[in-house]
Amino acid sequence: MEPAEQEITLGEVTLRRFRGEADLPEFFRVIEESLEHLRPWMPWVAEHSVAKTTAFLAERPALWESGKDFTYAILLEGAIVGACGLFRREDTAVNGREIGYWLHPAATGRGIATRAARALAEQAFRFPGVDFVEIVHDPANLASAAVPARLGFTEHSRRPAEALAPAETGEEQIWRLHRG
C-alpha cells in the first residue's frame, strides 16, 4: 500500500481526502452548479444523481486504502470547489500514475487546477517505483491542456477514444512528466 497525504495545503487552496457522506451535501451542490461547465467533457455528468454521488463518495475509502485512487476535494478558503485525484489506471504502466481534476466554473482561471496537479505530481513521485505521471484529456479541451503545459509536462502521445461526452472529439491527448 502506498502512503498518501490526507491533506495538502497550498495557501488558500487545500486538497483534502473526501470524508464520505459528510461531504455529500456540499459536494453534490458544487456538482449541480457545475453541470453545464462539465457536461462537454465529463461523461459521468449525463448520469449525475444523488445516488451516483453517494456511491462515488462511498467507494473512495476502499480505493484509497488499496493505493489505486487518491481522490481529494479541492477546497478554496474551506469550501469545496472541485475534485482532483491521483490514479493508477489498469492501462497505465505500473510505474506511472494519472492525474485528473475539475473545478466549479467560479473557481476557474485562478491557477487552482495547476496548483492541485503540481501537488499531486509531487505526491506521486514520493511513491516508490513511480517514474512518471500523466494527464489525459480530449485535445479540444483547451482549459485542461493548459494545466500540463504550465507544469512542464510534454505531449507523450494521442490515441483514439470513444467520444462519450458532447464536445469530445474521439481522441485523447496524453501529457507526461517524468521523475526528476
N, C-alpha and C. Protein backbone atom coordinates (compact mmCIF):
# COMPACT_ATOMS: atom_id res chain seq x y z
N MET A 1 0.85 -1.19 0.00
CA MET A 1 0.00 0.00 0.00
C MET A 1 0.89 1.25 0.00
N GLU A 2 0.52 2.20 -0.83
CA GLU A 2 1.29 3.43 -0.94
C GLU A 2 0.79 4.46 0.06
N PRO A 3 1.70 5.20 0.64
CA PRO A 3 1.25 6.27 1.54
C PRO A 3 0.78 7.47 0.74
N ALA A 4 -0.23 8.14 1.20
CA ALA A 4 -0.68 9.38 0.56
C ALA A 4 -1.06 10.36 1.65
N GLU A 5 -0.73 11.61 1.42
CA GLU A 5 -1.11 12.64 2.39
C GLU A 5 -2.63 12.77 2.41
N GLN A 6 -3.20 12.87 3.60
CA GLN A 6 -4.65 13.03 3.75
C GLN A 6 -5.09 14.44 3.37
N GLU A 7 -4.19 15.39 3.57
CA GLU A 7 -4.49 16.79 3.30
C GLU A 7 -3.23 17.48 2.82
N ILE A 8 -3.38 18.28 1.78
CA ILE A 8 -2.26 19.02 1.22
C ILE A 8 -2.68 20.49 1.18
N THR A 9 -1.93 21.33 1.89
CA THR A 9 -2.26 22.76 1.97
C THR A 9 -1.40 23.53 0.98
N LEU A 10 -2.06 24.34 0.16
CA LEU A 10 -1.40 25.14 -0.88
C LEU A 10 -1.88 26.58 -0.75
N GLY A 11 -1.54 27.22 0.36
CA GLY A 11 -2.04 28.57 0.61
C GLY A 11 -3.53 28.52 0.92
N GLU A 12 -4.33 29.29 0.17
CA GLU A 12 -5.77 29.31 0.42
C GLU A 12 -6.48 28.09 -0.18
N VAL A 13 -5.74 27.28 -0.92
CA VAL A 13 -6.28 26.06 -1.53
C VAL A 13 -5.81 24.86 -0.70
N THR A 14 -6.75 23.94 -0.45
CA THR A 14 -6.43 22.71 0.27
C THR A 14 -6.98 21.54 -0.51
N LEU A 15 -6.18 20.51 -0.63
CA LEU A 15 -6.64 19.23 -1.16
C LEU A 15 -6.87 18.36 0.05
N ARG A 16 -8.10 17.86 0.21
CA ARG A 16 -8.44 17.08 1.40
C ARG A 16 -9.12 15.79 0.98
N ARG A 17 -8.68 14.71 1.57
CA ARG A 17 -9.33 13.42 1.33
C ARG A 17 -10.82 13.57 1.60
N PHE A 18 -11.64 13.00 0.72
CA PHE A 18 -13.09 13.08 0.93
C PHE A 18 -13.48 12.40 2.23
N ARG A 19 -14.52 12.94 2.87
CA ARG A 19 -14.99 12.45 4.17
C ARG A 19 -16.32 11.71 4.05
N GLY A 20 -16.53 11.04 2.95
CA GLY A 20 -17.73 10.23 2.78
C GLY A 20 -19.00 11.04 2.80
N GLU A 21 -20.02 10.51 3.47
CA GLU A 21 -21.33 11.16 3.49
C GLU A 21 -21.30 12.56 4.08
N ALA A 22 -20.33 12.85 4.92
CA ALA A 22 -20.23 14.20 5.49
C ALA A 22 -20.03 15.25 4.39
N ASP A 23 -19.39 14.86 3.28
CA ASP A 23 -19.16 15.79 2.17
C ASP A 23 -20.30 15.82 1.17
N LEU A 24 -21.26 14.89 1.28
CA LEU A 24 -22.29 14.76 0.26
C LEU A 24 -23.06 16.04 -0.03
N PRO A 25 -23.64 16.72 0.95
CA PRO A 25 -24.46 17.90 0.60
C PRO A 25 -23.68 18.98 -0.16
N GLU A 26 -22.50 19.32 0.34
CA GLU A 26 -21.72 20.38 -0.31
C GLU A 26 -21.18 19.94 -1.66
N PHE A 27 -20.66 18.71 -1.73
CA PHE A 27 -20.10 18.21 -2.99
C PHE A 27 -21.19 18.10 -4.05
N PHE A 28 -22.36 17.58 -3.68
CA PHE A 28 -23.46 17.45 -4.63
C PHE A 28 -23.88 18.83 -5.15
N ARG A 29 -23.95 19.82 -4.27
CA ARG A 29 -24.31 21.19 -4.68
C ARG A 29 -23.30 21.74 -5.67
N VAL A 30 -22.00 21.53 -5.41
CA VAL A 30 -20.95 22.02 -6.31
C VAL A 30 -21.08 21.35 -7.68
N ILE A 31 -21.36 20.06 -7.70
CA ILE A 31 -21.56 19.37 -8.97
C ILE A 31 -22.77 19.96 -9.69
N GLU A 32 -23.87 20.10 -8.97
CA GLU A 32 -25.09 20.65 -9.57
C GLU A 32 -24.82 22.01 -10.21
N GLU A 33 -24.10 22.86 -9.51
CA GLU A 33 -23.79 24.20 -10.03
C GLU A 33 -22.80 24.17 -11.19
N SER A 34 -22.11 23.05 -11.37
CA SER A 34 -21.07 22.93 -12.39
C SER A 34 -21.49 22.11 -13.60
N LEU A 35 -22.71 21.60 -13.61
CA LEU A 35 -23.12 20.66 -14.66
C LEU A 35 -22.91 21.19 -16.07
N GLU A 36 -23.34 22.38 -16.36
CA GLU A 36 -23.20 22.90 -17.73
C GLU A 36 -21.74 23.13 -18.10
N HIS A 37 -20.93 23.49 -17.12
CA HIS A 37 -19.49 23.69 -17.32
C HIS A 37 -18.80 22.35 -17.60
N LEU A 38 -19.23 21.29 -16.92
CA LEU A 38 -18.59 19.98 -17.04
C LEU A 38 -19.15 19.12 -18.17
N ARG A 39 -20.41 19.33 -18.52
CA ARG A 39 -21.11 18.46 -19.49
C ARG A 39 -20.33 18.21 -20.78
N PRO A 40 -19.67 19.21 -21.39
CA PRO A 40 -18.98 18.93 -22.65
C PRO A 40 -17.86 17.90 -22.55
N TRP A 41 -17.26 17.74 -21.35
CA TRP A 41 -16.03 16.95 -21.23
C TRP A 41 -16.14 15.75 -20.29
N MET A 42 -17.11 15.72 -19.42
CA MET A 42 -17.18 14.69 -18.39
C MET A 42 -18.39 13.77 -18.64
N PRO A 43 -18.16 12.56 -19.11
CA PRO A 43 -19.27 11.66 -19.43
C PRO A 43 -20.17 11.35 -18.23
N TRP A 44 -19.62 11.33 -17.03
CA TRP A 44 -20.40 10.98 -15.86
C TRP A 44 -21.51 11.99 -15.56
N VAL A 45 -21.40 13.20 -16.10
CA VAL A 45 -22.41 14.24 -15.86
C VAL A 45 -23.79 13.79 -16.37
N ALA A 46 -23.82 13.02 -17.46
CA ALA A 46 -25.09 12.57 -18.03
C ALA A 46 -25.89 11.70 -17.07
N GLU A 47 -25.21 11.05 -16.13
CA GLU A 47 -25.88 10.17 -15.17
C GLU A 47 -25.81 10.72 -13.75
N HIS A 48 -25.53 11.99 -13.62
CA HIS A 48 -25.39 12.62 -12.31
C HIS A 48 -26.67 12.49 -11.50
N SER A 49 -26.54 12.10 -10.24
CA SER A 49 -27.68 11.99 -9.32
C SER A 49 -27.14 11.94 -7.90
N VAL A 50 -28.02 12.09 -6.94
CA VAL A 50 -27.63 11.95 -5.53
C VAL A 50 -27.10 10.54 -5.30
N ALA A 51 -27.76 9.54 -5.88
CA ALA A 51 -27.33 8.14 -5.68
C ALA A 51 -25.92 7.92 -6.24
N LYS A 52 -25.65 8.46 -7.43
CA LYS A 52 -24.31 8.29 -8.04
C LYS A 52 -23.24 9.00 -7.21
N THR A 53 -23.55 10.20 -6.72
CA THR A 53 -22.58 10.94 -5.90
C THR A 53 -22.36 10.23 -4.57
N THR A 54 -23.41 9.71 -3.99
CA THR A 54 -23.30 8.94 -2.74
C THR A 54 -22.41 7.71 -2.97
N ALA A 55 -22.64 7.01 -4.06
CA ALA A 55 -21.84 5.82 -4.38
C ALA A 55 -20.37 6.19 -4.62
N PHE A 56 -20.15 7.30 -5.33
CA PHE A 56 -18.79 7.77 -5.58
C PHE A 56 -18.06 8.00 -4.26
N LEU A 57 -18.70 8.71 -3.35
CA LEU A 57 -18.07 9.00 -2.06
C LEU A 57 -17.87 7.73 -1.24
N ALA A 58 -18.81 6.80 -1.33
CA ALA A 58 -18.71 5.55 -0.57
C ALA A 58 -17.56 4.67 -1.05
N GLU A 59 -17.22 4.77 -2.32
CA GLU A 59 -16.13 3.95 -2.89
C GLU A 59 -14.75 4.48 -2.56
N ARG A 60 -14.64 5.75 -2.20
CA ARG A 60 -13.33 6.37 -2.02
C ARG A 60 -12.46 5.68 -0.96
N PRO A 61 -12.98 5.33 0.23
CA PRO A 61 -12.07 4.75 1.24
C PRO A 61 -11.39 3.46 0.78
N ALA A 62 -12.12 2.55 0.17
CA ALA A 62 -11.51 1.29 -0.27
C ALA A 62 -10.47 1.53 -1.36
N LEU A 63 -10.77 2.43 -2.29
CA LEU A 63 -9.82 2.74 -3.35
C LEU A 63 -8.57 3.41 -2.78
N TRP A 64 -8.77 4.29 -1.79
CA TRP A 64 -7.64 4.95 -1.14
C TRP A 64 -6.75 3.92 -0.46
N GLU A 65 -7.37 3.05 0.32
CA GLU A 65 -6.60 2.05 1.08
C GLU A 65 -5.87 1.08 0.15
N SER A 66 -6.44 0.81 -1.03
CA SER A 66 -5.80 -0.10 -1.98
C SER A 66 -4.60 0.55 -2.67
N GLY A 67 -4.50 1.90 -2.59
CA GLY A 67 -3.43 2.62 -3.27
C GLY A 67 -3.72 2.87 -4.74
N LYS A 68 -4.93 2.53 -5.19
CA LYS A 68 -5.29 2.66 -6.59
C LYS A 68 -5.78 4.07 -6.94
N ASP A 69 -6.39 4.76 -5.98
CA ASP A 69 -7.08 6.00 -6.29
C ASP A 69 -7.08 6.91 -5.06
N PHE A 70 -6.37 8.02 -5.15
CA PHE A 70 -6.36 9.00 -4.07
C PHE A 70 -7.12 10.23 -4.58
N THR A 71 -8.40 10.32 -4.21
CA THR A 71 -9.25 11.40 -4.68
C THR A 71 -9.42 12.42 -3.56
N TYR A 72 -9.28 13.68 -3.93
CA TYR A 72 -9.36 14.78 -2.98
C TYR A 72 -10.46 15.76 -3.35
N ALA A 73 -11.09 16.33 -2.34
CA ALA A 73 -11.92 17.51 -2.54
C ALA A 73 -10.94 18.69 -2.65
N ILE A 74 -11.21 19.57 -3.60
CA ILE A 74 -10.42 20.80 -3.70
C ILE A 74 -11.20 21.87 -2.95
N LEU A 75 -10.56 22.45 -1.93
CA LEU A 75 -11.21 23.48 -1.13
C LEU A 75 -10.51 24.82 -1.36
N LEU A 76 -11.32 25.84 -1.52
CA LEU A 76 -10.82 27.21 -1.60
C LEU A 76 -11.37 27.93 -0.39
N GLU A 77 -10.46 28.36 0.47
CA GLU A 77 -10.84 29.02 1.73
C GLU A 77 -11.90 28.21 2.48
N GLY A 78 -11.70 26.88 2.50
CA GLY A 78 -12.54 25.98 3.28
C GLY A 78 -13.78 25.45 2.59
N ALA A 79 -14.12 25.95 1.39
CA ALA A 79 -15.32 25.50 0.68
C ALA A 79 -14.92 24.62 -0.50
N ILE A 80 -15.65 23.53 -0.71
CA ILE A 80 -15.37 22.64 -1.84
C ILE A 80 -15.65 23.37 -3.15
N VAL A 81 -14.67 23.34 -4.06
CA VAL A 81 -14.83 23.97 -5.37
C VAL A 81 -14.52 23.01 -6.51
N GLY A 82 -14.29 21.73 -6.19
CA GLY A 82 -13.98 20.76 -7.23
C GLY A 82 -13.38 19.51 -6.64
N ALA A 83 -12.82 18.71 -7.52
CA ALA A 83 -12.19 17.45 -7.09
C ALA A 83 -10.98 17.18 -7.97
N CYS A 84 -10.05 16.42 -7.41
CA CYS A 84 -8.88 16.01 -8.17
C CYS A 84 -8.43 14.66 -7.64
N GLY A 85 -7.61 14.00 -8.41
CA GLY A 85 -7.17 12.69 -7.94
C GLY A 85 -5.91 12.23 -8.62
N LEU A 86 -5.30 11.29 -7.98
CA LEU A 86 -4.09 10.62 -8.45
C LEU A 86 -4.46 9.15 -8.55
N PHE A 87 -4.40 8.61 -9.76
CA PHE A 87 -4.93 7.27 -10.03
C PHE A 87 -3.89 6.34 -10.61
N ARG A 88 -4.07 5.07 -10.33
CA ARG A 88 -3.32 4.02 -11.01
C ARG A 88 -4.33 3.32 -11.91
N ARG A 89 -4.26 3.59 -13.19
CA ARG A 89 -5.19 3.02 -14.17
C ARG A 89 -4.68 1.65 -14.63
N GLU A 90 -5.61 0.81 -14.99
CA GLU A 90 -5.24 -0.53 -15.47
C GLU A 90 -4.42 -0.46 -16.75
N ASP A 91 -4.69 0.55 -17.60
CA ASP A 91 -3.96 0.66 -18.87
C ASP A 91 -2.70 1.52 -18.77
N THR A 92 -2.36 1.97 -17.57
CA THR A 92 -1.14 2.75 -17.35
C THR A 92 -0.07 1.81 -16.79
N ALA A 93 1.14 2.00 -17.20
CA ALA A 93 2.24 1.17 -16.70
C ALA A 93 2.29 1.21 -15.18
N VAL A 94 2.81 0.14 -14.60
CA VAL A 94 2.91 0.02 -13.14
C VAL A 94 3.68 1.19 -12.55
N ASN A 95 4.62 1.73 -13.30
CA ASN A 95 5.46 2.81 -12.79
C ASN A 95 4.90 4.20 -13.10
N GLY A 96 3.63 4.27 -13.49
CA GLY A 96 3.02 5.56 -13.80
C GLY A 96 1.72 5.78 -13.04
N ARG A 97 1.33 7.03 -12.93
CA ARG A 97 0.07 7.43 -12.33
C ARG A 97 -0.58 8.48 -13.22
N GLU A 98 -1.88 8.65 -13.07
CA GLU A 98 -2.62 9.65 -13.84
C GLU A 98 -3.24 10.66 -12.88
N ILE A 99 -3.25 11.91 -13.30
CA ILE A 99 -3.86 12.99 -12.53
C ILE A 99 -5.12 13.45 -13.26
N GLY A 100 -6.17 13.66 -12.49
CA GLY A 100 -7.40 14.21 -13.04
C GLY A 100 -7.89 15.35 -12.16
N TYR A 101 -8.70 16.24 -12.72
CA TYR A 101 -9.18 17.39 -11.95
C TYR A 101 -10.39 18.01 -12.64
N TRP A 102 -11.22 18.66 -11.86
CA TRP A 102 -12.29 19.52 -12.38
C TRP A 102 -12.62 20.56 -11.32
N LEU A 103 -13.13 21.68 -11.78
CA LEU A 103 -13.46 22.79 -10.89
C LEU A 103 -14.83 23.37 -11.19
N HIS A 104 -15.44 23.91 -10.16
CA HIS A 104 -16.65 24.73 -10.30
C HIS A 104 -16.27 25.91 -11.21
N PRO A 105 -17.15 26.34 -12.10
CA PRO A 105 -16.77 27.42 -13.02
C PRO A 105 -16.34 28.71 -12.33
N ALA A 106 -16.86 28.99 -11.14
CA ALA A 106 -16.45 30.21 -10.43
C ALA A 106 -15.03 30.12 -9.89
N ALA A 107 -14.46 28.91 -9.86
CA ALA A 107 -13.10 28.73 -9.34
C ALA A 107 -12.05 28.63 -10.45
N THR A 108 -12.47 28.69 -11.70
CA THR A 108 -11.51 28.57 -12.80
C THR A 108 -10.77 29.89 -13.01
N GLY A 109 -9.64 29.79 -13.71
CA GLY A 109 -8.88 30.99 -14.06
C GLY A 109 -8.04 31.55 -12.94
N ARG A 110 -7.88 30.80 -11.85
CA ARG A 110 -7.10 31.27 -10.69
C ARG A 110 -5.86 30.43 -10.43
N GLY A 111 -5.58 29.48 -11.30
CA GLY A 111 -4.42 28.62 -11.10
C GLY A 111 -4.66 27.48 -10.11
N ILE A 112 -5.90 27.27 -9.71
CA ILE A 112 -6.20 26.24 -8.71
C ILE A 112 -5.93 24.84 -9.26
N ALA A 113 -6.39 24.56 -10.48
CA ALA A 113 -6.15 23.24 -11.07
C ALA A 113 -4.66 23.01 -11.27
N THR A 114 -3.94 24.04 -11.65
CA THR A 114 -2.49 23.92 -11.84
C THR A 114 -1.80 23.60 -10.51
N ARG A 115 -2.17 24.31 -9.45
CA ARG A 115 -1.58 24.04 -8.13
C ARG A 115 -1.92 22.63 -7.66
N ALA A 116 -3.16 22.21 -7.88
CA ALA A 116 -3.58 20.87 -7.47
C ALA A 116 -2.80 19.81 -8.24
N ALA A 117 -2.68 19.98 -9.55
CA ALA A 117 -1.95 19.00 -10.36
C ALA A 117 -0.47 18.95 -9.97
N ARG A 118 0.12 20.10 -9.70
CA ARG A 118 1.52 20.12 -9.27
C ARG A 118 1.69 19.35 -7.96
N ALA A 119 0.79 19.59 -7.01
CA ALA A 119 0.86 18.90 -5.72
C ALA A 119 0.68 17.39 -5.89
N LEU A 120 -0.21 16.98 -6.78
CA LEU A 120 -0.43 15.55 -6.99
C LEU A 120 0.76 14.91 -7.69
N ALA A 121 1.39 15.62 -8.61
CA ALA A 121 2.61 15.09 -9.24
C ALA A 121 3.71 14.91 -8.19
N GLU A 122 3.87 15.90 -7.33
CA GLU A 122 4.87 15.78 -6.26
C GLU A 122 4.54 14.60 -5.35
N GLN A 123 3.26 14.42 -5.04
CA GLN A 123 2.82 13.29 -4.22
C GLN A 123 3.18 11.97 -4.92
N ALA A 124 2.90 11.87 -6.21
CA ALA A 124 3.17 10.64 -6.97
C ALA A 124 4.64 10.28 -6.93
N PHE A 125 5.51 11.28 -7.06
CA PHE A 125 6.94 10.99 -7.10
C PHE A 125 7.50 10.63 -5.73
N ARG A 126 6.70 10.74 -4.68
CA ARG A 126 7.11 10.24 -3.36
C ARG A 126 6.88 8.73 -3.23
N PHE A 127 6.04 8.19 -4.12
CA PHE A 127 5.74 6.75 -4.07
C PHE A 127 6.89 5.98 -4.68
N PRO A 128 7.29 4.89 -4.06
CA PRO A 128 8.37 4.08 -4.64
C PRO A 128 7.96 3.52 -6.00
N GLY A 129 8.88 3.58 -6.94
CA GLY A 129 8.65 2.97 -8.24
C GLY A 129 7.87 3.81 -9.24
N VAL A 130 7.38 4.98 -8.85
CA VAL A 130 6.66 5.82 -9.81
C VAL A 130 7.67 6.67 -10.56
N ASP A 131 7.72 6.47 -11.87
CA ASP A 131 8.67 7.19 -12.72
C ASP A 131 8.05 8.33 -13.51
N PHE A 132 6.71 8.28 -13.69
CA PHE A 132 6.06 9.34 -14.47
C PHE A 132 4.61 9.51 -14.03
N VAL A 133 4.09 10.69 -14.33
CA VAL A 133 2.66 10.97 -14.15
C VAL A 133 2.11 11.48 -15.48
N GLU A 134 0.83 11.21 -15.70
CA GLU A 134 0.17 11.61 -16.92
C GLU A 134 -1.08 12.43 -16.63
N ILE A 135 -1.39 13.30 -17.55
CA ILE A 135 -2.68 13.98 -17.58
C ILE A 135 -3.25 13.66 -18.95
N VAL A 136 -4.48 13.15 -18.95
CA VAL A 136 -5.13 12.70 -20.18
C VAL A 136 -6.42 13.50 -20.35
N HIS A 137 -6.63 14.07 -21.54
CA HIS A 137 -7.84 14.84 -21.80
C HIS A 137 -8.10 14.86 -23.29
N ASP A 138 -9.27 15.30 -23.66
CA ASP A 138 -9.60 15.49 -25.07
C ASP A 138 -8.81 16.70 -25.57
N PRO A 139 -8.19 16.63 -26.74
CA PRO A 139 -7.39 17.76 -27.21
C PRO A 139 -8.20 19.04 -27.44
N ALA A 140 -9.51 18.93 -27.60
CA ALA A 140 -10.33 20.13 -27.76
C ALA A 140 -10.57 20.85 -26.44
N ASN A 141 -10.27 20.21 -25.33
CA ASN A 141 -10.46 20.83 -24.01
C ASN A 141 -9.21 21.66 -23.69
N LEU A 142 -9.21 22.87 -24.20
CA LEU A 142 -8.02 23.73 -24.09
C LEU A 142 -7.72 24.14 -22.66
N ALA A 143 -8.75 24.28 -21.82
CA ALA A 143 -8.52 24.64 -20.42
C ALA A 143 -7.76 23.52 -19.71
N SER A 144 -8.13 22.28 -19.97
CA SER A 144 -7.41 21.16 -19.36
C SER A 144 -5.99 21.06 -19.92
N ALA A 145 -5.82 21.36 -21.19
CA ALA A 145 -4.49 21.29 -21.81
C ALA A 145 -3.53 22.31 -21.23
N ALA A 146 -4.05 23.44 -20.78
CA ALA A 146 -3.19 24.49 -20.26
C ALA A 146 -2.47 24.06 -18.98
N VAL A 147 -3.10 23.19 -18.19
CA VAL A 147 -2.51 22.78 -16.91
C VAL A 147 -1.20 22.02 -17.12
N PRO A 148 -1.17 20.91 -17.85
CA PRO A 148 0.10 20.20 -18.02
C PRO A 148 1.15 21.04 -18.75
N ALA A 149 0.71 21.87 -19.68
CA ALA A 149 1.66 22.72 -20.40
C ALA A 149 2.36 23.67 -19.43
N ARG A 150 1.61 24.24 -18.48
CA ARG A 150 2.20 25.16 -17.50
C ARG A 150 3.17 24.45 -16.56
N LEU A 151 2.93 23.16 -16.33
CA LEU A 151 3.73 22.42 -15.35
C LEU A 151 4.94 21.70 -15.94
N GLY A 152 5.18 21.87 -17.22
CA GLY A 152 6.35 21.26 -17.84
C GLY A 152 6.13 19.84 -18.32
N PHE A 153 4.89 19.37 -18.35
CA PHE A 153 4.60 18.08 -18.97
C PHE A 153 4.85 18.23 -20.47
N THR A 154 5.16 17.14 -21.14
CA THR A 154 5.28 17.16 -22.59
C THR A 154 4.25 16.20 -23.17
N GLU A 155 3.81 16.53 -24.39
CA GLU A 155 2.85 15.64 -25.03
C GLU A 155 3.55 14.32 -25.32
N HIS A 156 3.00 13.26 -24.77
CA HIS A 156 3.58 11.92 -24.92
C HIS A 156 2.98 11.21 -26.14
N SER A 157 1.66 11.30 -26.29
CA SER A 157 1.00 10.63 -27.40
C SER A 157 -0.45 11.07 -27.49
N ARG A 158 -1.07 10.61 -28.55
CA ARG A 158 -2.52 10.75 -28.73
C ARG A 158 -3.03 9.37 -29.12
N ARG A 159 -4.25 9.08 -28.69
CA ARG A 159 -4.82 7.78 -29.01
C ARG A 159 -6.32 7.94 -29.26
N PRO A 160 -6.85 7.05 -30.07
CA PRO A 160 -8.30 7.09 -30.29
C PRO A 160 -9.03 6.77 -28.99
N ALA A 161 -10.19 7.38 -28.81
CA ALA A 161 -11.00 7.13 -27.62
C ALA A 161 -12.46 7.32 -28.00
N GLU A 162 -13.31 6.56 -27.38
CA GLU A 162 -14.73 6.71 -27.64
C GLU A 162 -15.18 8.08 -27.12
N ALA A 163 -15.87 8.82 -27.96
CA ALA A 163 -16.40 10.13 -27.57
C ALA A 163 -17.66 9.90 -26.74
N LEU A 164 -17.56 10.09 -25.43
CA LEU A 164 -18.66 9.81 -24.52
C LEU A 164 -19.37 11.06 -24.02
N ALA A 165 -18.73 12.20 -24.14
CA ALA A 165 -19.32 13.47 -23.72
C ALA A 165 -19.52 14.33 -24.97
N PRO A 166 -20.45 15.29 -24.93
CA PRO A 166 -20.84 16.03 -26.14
C PRO A 166 -19.72 16.71 -26.93
N ALA A 167 -18.70 17.26 -26.29
CA ALA A 167 -17.66 18.00 -27.01
C ALA A 167 -16.44 17.15 -27.34
N GLU A 168 -16.43 15.92 -26.89
CA GLU A 168 -15.25 15.07 -27.13
C GLU A 168 -15.10 14.76 -28.62
N THR A 169 -13.84 14.67 -29.05
CA THR A 169 -13.51 14.51 -30.46
C THR A 169 -13.25 13.06 -30.87
N GLY A 170 -13.14 12.16 -29.90
CA GLY A 170 -12.78 10.78 -30.23
C GLY A 170 -11.29 10.54 -30.18
N GLU A 171 -10.60 11.44 -29.49
CA GLU A 171 -9.15 11.32 -29.33
C GLU A 171 -8.78 11.75 -27.92
N GLU A 172 -7.75 11.14 -27.37
CA GLU A 172 -7.20 11.57 -26.08
C GLU A 172 -5.79 12.05 -26.28
N GLN A 173 -5.47 13.14 -25.62
CA GLN A 173 -4.12 13.69 -25.61
C GLN A 173 -3.49 13.32 -24.27
N ILE A 174 -2.32 12.71 -24.33
CA ILE A 174 -1.66 12.24 -23.11
C ILE A 174 -0.39 13.05 -22.90
N TRP A 175 -0.34 13.73 -21.79
CA TRP A 175 0.83 14.51 -21.37
C TRP A 175 1.56 13.70 -20.32
N ARG A 176 2.88 13.80 -20.30
CA ARG A 176 3.66 13.04 -19.35
C ARG A 176 4.75 13.91 -18.73
N LEU A 177 4.95 13.69 -17.43
CA LEU A 177 6.03 14.32 -16.68
C LEU A 177 6.81 13.20 -16.02
N HIS A 178 8.13 13.20 -16.22
CA HIS A 178 8.98 12.16 -15.64
C HIS A 178 9.60 12.63 -14.34
N ARG A 179 9.88 11.69 -13.47
CA ARG A 179 10.57 11.97 -12.20
C ARG A 179 11.87 12.69 -12.49
N GLY A 180 12.15 13.70 -11.67
CA GLY A 180 13.43 14.41 -11.80
C GLY A 180 13.44 15.34 -12.98
